[in-house]
């Protein structure tokens, strides 16, 4: 999640990616995060048979609550994957 409270910000993401050998500016980090969140939103809508216009889908992808929910789901999936 990319917020000031519970997550990391785009500058932090850009610094981490640069340290890993993928030079990145914070604006590029933001664009990548939003693009990935939009893909999650599209898949959730498809699974739930919901139709949203592109602007609404983008707004959902940018929503911190949506990002937090996606982060929670990914955390849960990872915990389950690590179970013996």
PDB file of N, CA and C in Angstrom:
ATOM      1  N   UNK A   1       0.847  -1.162   0.000  1.00  0.00           N
ATOM      2  CA  UNK A   1       0.000   0.000   0.000  1.00  0.00           C
ATOM      3  C   UNK A   1       0.898   1.231   0.000  1.00  0.00           C
ATOM      4  N   UNK A   2       0.498   2.204  -0.730  1.00  0.00           N
ATOM      5  CA  UNK A   2       1.303   3.404  -0.849  1.00  0.00           C
ATOM      6  C   UNK A   2       0.583   4.556  -0.162  1.00  0.00           C
ATOM      7  N   UNK A   3       0.850   4.709   1.131  1.00  0.00           N
ATOM      8  CA  UNK A   3       0.252   5.805   1.897  1.00  0.00           C
ATOM      9  C   UNK A   3       1.297   6.347   2.849  1.00  0.00           C
ATOM     10  N   UNK A   4       0.977   7.458   3.473  1.00  0.00           N
ATOM     11  CA  UNK A   4       1.875   8.034   4.462  1.00  0.00           C
ATOM     12  C   UNK A   4       1.788   7.301   5.794  1.00  0.00           C
ATOM     13  N   UNK A   5       0.666   6.618   6.061  1.00  0.00           N
ATOM     14  CA  UNK A   5       0.448   6.023   7.367  1.00  0.00           C
ATOM     15  C   UNK A   5       1.020   4.613   7.507  1.00  0.00           C
ATOM     16  N   UNK A   6       0.534   3.684   6.713  1.00  0.00           N
ATOM     17  CA  UNK A   6       0.857   2.278   6.926  1.00  0.00           C
ATOM     18  C   UNK A   6       1.788   1.680   5.888  1.00  0.00           C
ATOM     19  N   UNK A   7       1.949   2.325   4.765  1.00  0.00           N
ATOM     20  CA  UNK A   7       2.724   1.723   3.697  1.00  0.00           C
ATOM     21  C   UNK A   7       3.968   2.521   3.374  1.00  0.00           C
ATOM     22  N   UNK A   8       4.509   2.233   2.227  1.00  0.00           N
ATOM     23  CA  UNK A   8       5.678   2.968   1.756  1.00  0.00           C
ATOM     24  C   UNK A   8       5.222   3.986   0.724  1.00  0.00           C
ATOM     25  N   UNK A   9       6.035   5.006   0.510  1.00  0.00           N
ATOM     26  CA  UNK A   9       5.664   5.991  -0.487  1.00  0.00           C
ATOM     27  C   UNK A   9       6.414   5.709  -1.789  1.00  0.00           C
ATOM     28  N   UNK A  10       6.064   6.448  -2.815  1.00  0.00           N
ATOM     29  CA  UNK A  10       6.638   6.196  -4.138  1.00  0.00           C
ATOM     30  C   UNK A  10       8.136   6.470  -4.167  1.00  0.00           C
ATOM     31  N   UNK A  11       8.596   7.420  -3.391  1.00  0.00           N
ATOM     32  CA  UNK A  11      10.044   7.676  -3.332  1.00  0.00           C
ATOM     33  C   UNK A  11      10.771   6.485  -2.722  1.00  0.00           C
ATOM     34  N   UNK A  12      10.192   5.892  -1.676  1.00  0.00           N
ATOM     35  CA  UNK A  12      10.796   4.699  -1.068  1.00  0.00           C
ATOM     36  C   UNK A  12      10.870   3.557  -2.074  1.00  0.00           C
ATOM     37  N   UNK A  13       9.786   3.360  -2.810  1.00  0.00           N
ATOM     38  CA  UNK A  13       9.757   2.296  -3.819  1.00  0.00           C
ATOM     39  C   UNK A  13      10.831   2.554  -4.872  1.00  0.00           C
ATOM     40  N   UNK A  14      10.930   3.801  -5.330  1.00  0.00           N
ATOM     41  CA  UNK A  14      11.930   4.149  -6.342  1.00  0.00           C
ATOM     42  C   UNK A  14      13.344   3.914  -5.813  1.00  0.00           C
ATOM     43  N   UNK A  15      13.592   4.265  -4.570  1.00  0.00           N
ATOM     44  CA  UNK A  15      14.917   4.041  -3.975  1.00  0.00           C
ATOM     45  C   UNK A  15      15.231   2.554  -3.874  1.00  0.00           C
ATOM     46  N   UNK A  16      14.265   1.759  -3.447  1.00  0.00           N
ATOM     47  CA  UNK A  16      14.469   0.314  -3.336  1.00  0.00           C
ATOM     48  C   UNK A  16      14.764  -0.284  -4.707  1.00  0.00           C
ATOM     49  N   UNK A  17      13.995   0.091  -5.704  1.00  0.00           N
ATOM     50  CA  UNK A  17      14.211  -0.427  -7.056  1.00  0.00           C
ATOM     51  C   UNK A  17      15.572  -0.003  -7.589  1.00  0.00           C
ATOM     52  N   UNK A  18      15.965   1.233  -7.344  1.00  0.00           N
ATOM     53  CA  UNK A  18      17.280   1.713  -7.777  1.00  0.00           C
ATOM     54  C   UNK A  18      18.383   0.924  -7.083  1.00  0.00           C
ATOM     55  N   UNK A  19      18.235   0.685  -5.780  1.00  0.00           N
ATOM     56  CA  UNK A  19      19.219  -0.112  -5.036  1.00  0.00           C
ATOM     57  C   UNK A  19      19.325  -1.538  -5.574  1.00  0.00           C
ATOM     58  N   UNK A  20      18.214  -2.056  -6.100  1.00  0.00           N
ATOM     59  CA  UNK A  20      18.206  -3.410  -6.670  1.00  0.00           C
ATOM     60  C   UNK A  20      18.750  -3.444  -8.104  1.00  0.00           C
ATOM     61  N   UNK A  21      19.129  -2.282  -8.620  1.00  0.00           N
ATOM     62  CA  UNK A  21      19.713  -2.227  -9.954  1.00  0.00           C
ATOM     63  C   UNK A  21      18.748  -1.815 -11.051  1.00  0.00           C
ATOM     64  N   UNK A  22      17.573  -1.339 -10.679  1.00  0.00           N
ATOM     65  CA  UNK A  22      16.579  -0.877 -11.648  1.00  0.00           C
ATOM     66  C   UNK A  22      16.322   0.609 -11.402  1.00  0.00           C
ATOM     67  N   UNK A  23      17.170   1.477 -11.973  1.00  0.00           N
ATOM     68  CA  UNK A  23      17.017   2.913 -11.712  1.00  0.00           C
ATOM     69  C   UNK A  23      15.591   3.386 -11.997  1.00  0.00           C
ATOM     70  N   UNK A  24      15.036   4.104 -11.026  1.00  0.00           N
ATOM     71  CA  UNK A  24      13.645   4.514 -11.151  1.00  0.00           C
ATOM     72  C   UNK A  24      13.416   5.826 -10.405  1.00  0.00           C
ATOM     73  N   UNK A  25      12.599   6.670 -10.980  1.00  0.00           N
ATOM     74  CA  UNK A  25      12.167   7.901 -10.315  1.00  0.00           C
ATOM     75  C   UNK A  25      10.826   7.633  -9.645  1.00  0.00           C
ATOM     76  N   UNK A  26      10.480   8.480  -8.674  1.00  0.00           N
ATOM     77  CA  UNK A  26       9.240   8.237  -7.932  1.00  0.00           C
ATOM     78  C   UNK A  26       8.012   8.311  -8.831  1.00  0.00           C
ATOM     79  N   UNK A  27       8.061   9.119  -9.881  1.00  0.00           N
ATOM     80  CA  UNK A  27       6.904   9.200 -10.778  1.00  0.00           C
ATOM     81  C   UNK A  27       6.706   7.888 -11.537  1.00  0.00           C
ATOM     82  N   UNK A  28       7.802   7.238 -11.899  1.00  0.00           N
ATOM     83  CA  UNK A  28       7.697   5.935 -12.570  1.00  0.00           C
ATOM     84  C   UNK A  28       7.172   4.885 -11.595  1.00  0.00           C
ATOM     85  N   UNK A  29       7.640   4.935 -10.342  1.00  0.00           N
ATOM     86  CA  UNK A  29       7.147   3.991  -9.330  1.00  0.00           C
ATOM     87  C   UNK A  29       5.645   4.140  -9.165  1.00  0.00           C
ATOM     88  N   UNK A  30       5.175   5.376  -9.116  1.00  0.00           N
ATOM     89  CA  UNK A  30       3.743   5.623  -8.998  1.00  0.00           C
ATOM     90  C   UNK A  30       2.995   5.033 -10.181  1.00  0.00           C
ATOM     91  N   UNK A  31       3.495   5.281 -11.380  1.00  0.00           N
ATOM     92  CA  UNK A  31       2.831   4.762 -12.580  1.00  0.00           C
ATOM     93  C   UNK A  31       2.764   3.241 -12.568  1.00  0.00           C
ATOM     94  N   UNK A  32       3.844   2.575 -12.155  1.00  0.00           N
ATOM     95  CA  UNK A  32       3.844   1.111 -12.091  1.00  0.00           C
ATOM     96  C   UNK A  32       2.855   0.593 -11.056  1.00  0.00           C
ATOM     97  N   UNK A  33       2.860   1.207  -9.869  1.00  0.00           N
ATOM     98  CA  UNK A  33       1.950   0.763  -8.802  1.00  0.00           C
ATOM     99  C   UNK A  33       0.500   0.929  -9.245  1.00  0.00           C
ATOM    100  N   UNK A  34       0.163   2.076  -9.797  1.00  0.00           N
ATOM    101  CA  UNK A  34      -1.209   2.320 -10.233  1.00  0.00           C
ATOM    102  C   UNK A  34      -1.604   1.355 -11.353  1.00  0.00           C
ATOM    103  N   UNK A  35      -0.688   1.087 -12.275  1.00  0.00           N
ATOM    104  CA  UNK A  35      -0.983   0.154 -13.375  1.00  0.00           C
ATOM    105  C   UNK A  35      -1.278  -1.247 -12.837  1.00  0.00           C
ATOM    106  N   UNK A  36      -0.490  -1.693 -11.862  1.00  0.00           N
ATOM    107  CA  UNK A  36      -0.711  -3.019 -11.280  1.00  0.00           C
ATOM    108  C   UNK A  36      -2.020  -3.047 -10.482  1.00  0.00           C
ATOM    109  N   UNK A  37      -2.281  -2.000  -9.719  1.00  0.00           N
ATOM    110  CA  UNK A  37      -3.526  -1.938  -8.956  1.00  0.00           C
ATOM    111  C   UNK A  37      -4.733  -1.915  -9.894  1.00  0.00           C
ATOM    112  N   UNK A  38      -4.593  -1.260 -11.032  1.00  0.00           N
ATOM    113  CA  UNK A  38      -5.692  -1.232 -12.003  1.00  0.00           C
ATOM    114  C   UNK A  38      -5.953  -2.635 -12.543  1.00  0.00           C
ATOM    115  N   UNK A  39      -4.895  -3.418 -12.760  1.00  0.00           N
ATOM    116  CA  UNK A  39      -5.080  -4.802 -13.215  1.00  0.00           C
ATOM    117  C   UNK A  39      -5.809  -5.628 -12.165  1.00  0.00           C
ATOM    118  N   UNK A  40      -5.459  -5.428 -10.882  1.00  0.00           N
ATOM    119  CA  UNK A  40      -6.194  -6.112  -9.821  1.00  0.00           C
ATOM    120  C   UNK A  40      -7.658  -5.705  -9.845  1.00  0.00           C
ATOM    121  N   UNK A  41      -7.919  -4.410  -9.954  1.00  0.00           N
ATOM    122  CA  UNK A  41      -9.299  -3.920  -9.971  1.00  0.00           C
ATOM    123  C   UNK A  41     -10.072  -4.519 -11.139  1.00  0.00           C
ATOM    124  N   UNK A  42      -9.451  -4.572 -12.309  1.00  0.00           N
ATOM    125  CA  UNK A  42     -10.110  -5.144 -13.488  1.00  0.00           C
ATOM    126  C   UNK A  42     -10.451  -6.614 -13.268  1.00  0.00           C
ATOM    127  N   UNK A  43      -9.529  -7.361 -12.686  1.00  0.00           N
ATOM    128  CA  UNK A  43      -9.775  -8.788 -12.436  1.00  0.00           C
ATOM    129  C   UNK A  43     -10.858  -8.999 -11.390  1.00  0.00           C
ATOM    130  N   UNK A  44     -10.860  -8.190 -10.333  1.00  0.00           N
ATOM    131  CA  UNK A  44     -11.916  -8.299  -9.330  1.00  0.00           C
ATOM    132  C   UNK A  44     -13.268  -7.996  -9.954  1.00  0.00           C
ATOM    133  N   UNK A  45     -13.332  -6.943 -10.765  1.00  0.00           N
ATOM    134  CA  UNK A  45     -14.593  -6.598 -11.429  1.00  0.00           C
ATOM    135  C   UNK A  45     -15.040  -7.711 -12.367  1.00  0.00           C
ATOM    136  N   UNK A  46     -14.101  -8.288 -13.092  1.00  0.00           N
ATOM    137  CA  UNK A  46     -14.437  -9.383 -14.006  1.00  0.00           C
ATOM    138  C   UNK A  46     -14.985 -10.576 -13.214  1.00  0.00           C
ATOM    139  N   UNK A  47     -14.331 -10.903 -12.101  1.00  0.00           N
ATOM    140  CA  UNK A  47     -14.767 -12.040 -11.292  1.00  0.00           C
ATOM    141  C   UNK A  47     -16.143 -11.807 -10.677  1.00  0.00           C
ATOM    142  N   UNK A  48     -16.444 -10.549 -10.371  1.00  0.00           N
ATOM    143  CA  UNK A  48     -17.724 -10.216  -9.740  1.00  0.00           C
ATOM    144  C   UNK A  48     -18.768  -9.756 -10.750  1.00  0.00           C
ATOM    145  N   UNK A  49     -18.417  -9.802 -12.024  1.00  0.00           N
ATOM    146  CA  UNK A  49     -19.313  -9.399 -13.108  1.00  0.00           C
ATOM    147  C   UNK A  49     -19.793  -7.950 -12.926  1.00  0.00           C
ATOM    148  N   UNK A  50     -18.812  -7.072 -12.645  1.00  0.00           N
ATOM    149  CA  UNK A  50     -19.072  -5.648 -12.475  1.00  0.00           C
ATOM    150  C   UNK A  50     -18.431  -4.910 -13.645  1.00  0.00           C
ATOM    151  N   UNK A  51     -19.158  -3.954 -14.201  1.00  0.00           N
ATOM    152  CA  UNK A  51     -18.620  -3.149 -15.286  1.00  0.00           C
ATOM    153  C   UNK A  51     -18.391  -1.728 -14.795  1.00  0.00           C
ATOM    154  N   UNK A  52     -17.151  -1.252 -14.939  1.00  0.00           N
ATOM    155  CA  UNK A  52     -16.810   0.119 -14.576  1.00  0.00           C
ATOM    156  C   UNK A  52     -16.147   0.795 -15.769  1.00  0.00           C
ATOM    157  N   UNK A  53     -16.391   2.090 -15.911  1.00  0.00           N
ATOM    158  CA  UNK A  53     -15.702   2.814 -16.977  1.00  0.00           C
ATOM    159  C   UNK A  53     -14.236   3.011 -16.575  1.00  0.00           C
ATOM    160  N   UNK A  54     -13.413   3.419 -17.536  1.00  0.00           N
ATOM    161  CA  UNK A  54     -11.966   3.508 -17.314  1.00  0.00           C
ATOM    162  C   UNK A  54     -11.607   4.499 -16.208  1.00  0.00           C
ATOM    163  N   UNK A  55     -12.306   5.621 -16.158  1.00  0.00           N
ATOM    164  CA  UNK A  55     -12.011   6.619 -15.132  1.00  0.00           C
ATOM    165  C   UNK A  55     -12.316   6.088 -13.733  1.00  0.00           C
ATOM    166  N   UNK A  56     -13.441   5.420 -13.589  1.00  0.00           N
ATOM    167  CA  UNK A  56     -13.803   4.843 -12.291  1.00  0.00           C
ATOM    168  C   UNK A  56     -12.818   3.751 -11.896  1.00  0.00           C
ATOM    169  N   UNK A  57     -12.398   2.931 -12.869  1.00  0.00           N
ATOM    170  CA  UNK A  57     -11.422   1.876 -12.596  1.00  0.00           C
ATOM    171  C   UNK A  57     -10.107   2.490 -12.104  1.00  0.00           C
ATOM    172  N   UNK A  58      -9.693   3.582 -12.720  1.00  0.00           N
ATOM    173  CA  UNK A  58      -8.469   4.272 -12.293  1.00  0.00           C
ATOM    174  C   UNK A  58      -8.618   4.826 -10.884  1.00  0.00           C
ATOM    175  N   UNK A  59      -9.779   5.375 -10.587  1.00  0.00           N
ATOM    176  CA  UNK A  59     -10.020   5.901  -9.236  1.00  0.00           C
ATOM    177  C   UNK A  59      -9.989   4.790  -8.197  1.00  0.00           C
ATOM    178  N   UNK A  60     -10.539   3.646  -8.529  1.00  0.00           N
ATOM    179  CA  UNK A  60     -10.479   2.501  -7.617  1.00  0.00           C
ATOM    180  C   UNK A  60      -9.019   2.108  -7.382  1.00  0.00           C
ATOM    181  N   UNK A  61      -8.238   2.029  -8.447  1.00  0.00           N
ATOM    182  CA  UNK A  61      -6.829   1.621  -8.349  1.00  0.00           C
ATOM    183  C   UNK A  61      -6.031   2.581  -7.482  1.00  0.00           C
ATOM    184  N   UNK A  62      -6.377   3.853  -7.472  1.00  0.00           N
ATOM    185  CA  UNK A  62      -5.652   4.864  -6.700  1.00  0.00           C
ATOM    186  C   UNK A  62      -6.121   4.950  -5.251  1.00  0.00           C
ATOM    187  N   UNK A  63      -7.234   4.317  -4.934  1.00  0.00           N
ATOM    188  CA  UNK A  63      -7.829   4.417  -3.609  1.00  0.00           C
ATOM    189  C   UNK A  63      -6.980   3.671  -2.571  1.00  0.00           C
ATOM    190  N   UNK A  64      -6.537   4.364  -1.502  1.00  0.00           N
ATOM    191  CA  UNK A  64      -5.717   3.708  -0.480  1.00  0.00           C
ATOM    192  C   UNK A  64      -6.403   2.511   0.181  1.00  0.00           C
ATOM    193  N   UNK A  65      -7.730   2.557   0.326  1.00  0.00           N
ATOM    194  CA  UNK A  65      -8.439   1.415   0.924  1.00  0.00           C
ATOM    195  C   UNK A  65      -8.374   0.200   0.007  1.00  0.00           C
ATOM    196  N   UNK A  66      -8.503   0.430  -1.299  1.00  0.00           N
ATOM    197  CA  UNK A  66      -8.384  -0.669  -2.251  1.00  0.00           C
ATOM    198  C   UNK A  66      -6.967  -1.237  -2.220  1.00  0.00           C
ATOM    199  N   UNK A  67      -5.973  -0.346  -2.224  1.00  0.00           N
ATOM    200  CA  UNK A  67      -4.585  -0.797  -2.180  1.00  0.00           C
ATOM    201  C   UNK A  67      -4.301  -1.596  -0.912  1.00  0.00           C
ATOM    202  N   UNK A  68      -4.868  -1.147   0.200  1.00  0.00           N
ATOM    203  CA  UNK A  68      -4.700  -1.865   1.466  1.00  0.00           C
ATOM    204  C   UNK A  68      -5.341  -3.247   1.396  1.00  0.00           C
ATOM    205  N   UNK A  69      -6.519  -3.326   0.793  1.00  0.00           N
ATOM    206  CA  UNK A  69      -7.190  -4.617   0.640  1.00  0.00           C
ATOM    207  C   UNK A  69      -6.387  -5.578  -0.217  1.00  0.00           C
ATOM    208  N   UNK A  70      -5.827  -5.081  -1.299  1.00  0.00           N
ATOM    209  CA  UNK A  70      -4.987  -5.915  -2.161  1.00  0.00           C
ATOM    210  C   UNK A  70      -3.760  -6.392  -1.383  1.00  0.00           C
ATOM    211  N   UNK A  71      -3.144  -5.486  -0.625  1.00  0.00           N
ATOM    212  CA  UNK A  71      -1.984  -5.865   0.183  1.00  0.00           C
ATOM    213  C   UNK A  71      -2.350  -6.953   1.194  1.00  0.00           C
ATOM    214  N   UNK A  72      -3.517  -6.831   1.825  1.00  0.00           N
ATOM    215  CA  UNK A  72      -3.969  -7.851   2.777  1.00  0.00           C
ATOM    216  C   UNK A  72      -4.171  -9.201   2.101  1.00  0.00           C
ATOM    217  N   UNK A  73      -4.773  -9.189   0.935  1.00  0.00           N
ATOM    218  CA  UNK A  73      -4.986 -10.439   0.188  1.00  0.00           C
ATOM    219  C   UNK A  73      -3.653 -11.077  -0.178  1.00  0.00           C
ATOM    220  N   UNK A  74      -2.723 -10.271  -0.685  1.00  0.00           N
ATOM    221  CA  UNK A  74      -1.409 -10.812  -1.065  1.00  0.00           C
ATOM    222  C   UNK A  74      -0.662 -11.353   0.145  1.00  0.00           C
ATOM    223  N   UNK A  75      -0.782 -10.671   1.290  1.00  0.00           N
ATOM    224  CA  UNK A  75      -0.151 -11.159   2.512  1.00  0.00           C
ATOM    225  C   UNK A  75      -0.737 -12.518   2.899  1.00  0.00           C
ATOM    226  N   UNK A  76      -2.056 -12.631   2.857  1.00  0.00           N
ATOM    227  CA  UNK A  76      -2.719 -13.881   3.200  1.00  0.00           C
ATOM    228  C   UNK A  76      -2.302 -15.008   2.253  1.00  0.00           C
ATOM    229  N   UNK A  77      -2.265 -14.718   0.969  1.00  0.00           N
ATOM    230  CA  UNK A  77      -1.858 -15.725  -0.017  1.00  0.00           C
ATOM    231  C   UNK A  77      -0.434 -16.195   0.274  1.00  0.00           C
ATOM    232  N   UNK A  78       0.454 -15.273   0.603  1.00  0.00           N
ATOM    233  CA  UNK A  78       1.843 -15.634   0.904  1.00  0.00           C
ATOM    234  C   UNK A  78       1.934 -16.484   2.163  1.00  0.00           C
ATOM    235  N   UNK A  79       1.168 -16.128   3.187  1.00  0.00           N
ATOM    236  CA  UNK A  79       1.162 -16.914   4.437  1.00  0.00           C
ATOM    237  C   UNK A  79       0.673 -18.332   4.136  1.00  0.00           C
ATOM    238  N   UNK A  80      -0.397 -18.448   3.384  1.00  0.00           N
ATOM    239  CA  UNK A  80      -0.924 -19.770   3.033  1.00  0.00           C
ATOM    240  C   UNK A  80       0.071 -20.559   2.190  1.00  0.00           C
ATOM    241  N   UNK A  81       0.760 -19.895   1.287  1.00  0.00           N
ATOM    242  CA  UNK A  81       1.742 -20.571   0.426  1.00  0.00           C
ATOM    243  C   UNK A  81       2.883 -21.159   1.240  1.00  0.00           C
ATOM    244  N   UNK A  82       3.238 -20.486   2.319  1.00  0.00           N
ATOM    245  CA  UNK A  82       4.364 -20.939   3.148  1.00  0.00           C
ATOM    246  C   UNK A  82       3.984 -22.041   4.137  1.00  0.00           C
ATOM    247  N   UNK A  83       2.679 -22.326   4.255  1.00  0.00           N
ATOM    248  CA  UNK A  83       2.246 -23.383   5.175  1.00  0.00           C
ATOM    249  C   UNK A  83       2.694 -24.731   4.639  1.00  0.00           C
ATOM    250  N   UNK A  84       3.172 -25.594   5.529  1.00  0.00           N
ATOM    251  CA  UNK A  84       3.604 -26.942   5.076  1.00  0.00           C
ATOM    252  C   UNK A  84       2.429 -27.818   4.676  1.00  0.00           C
TER     253      UNK A  84
END
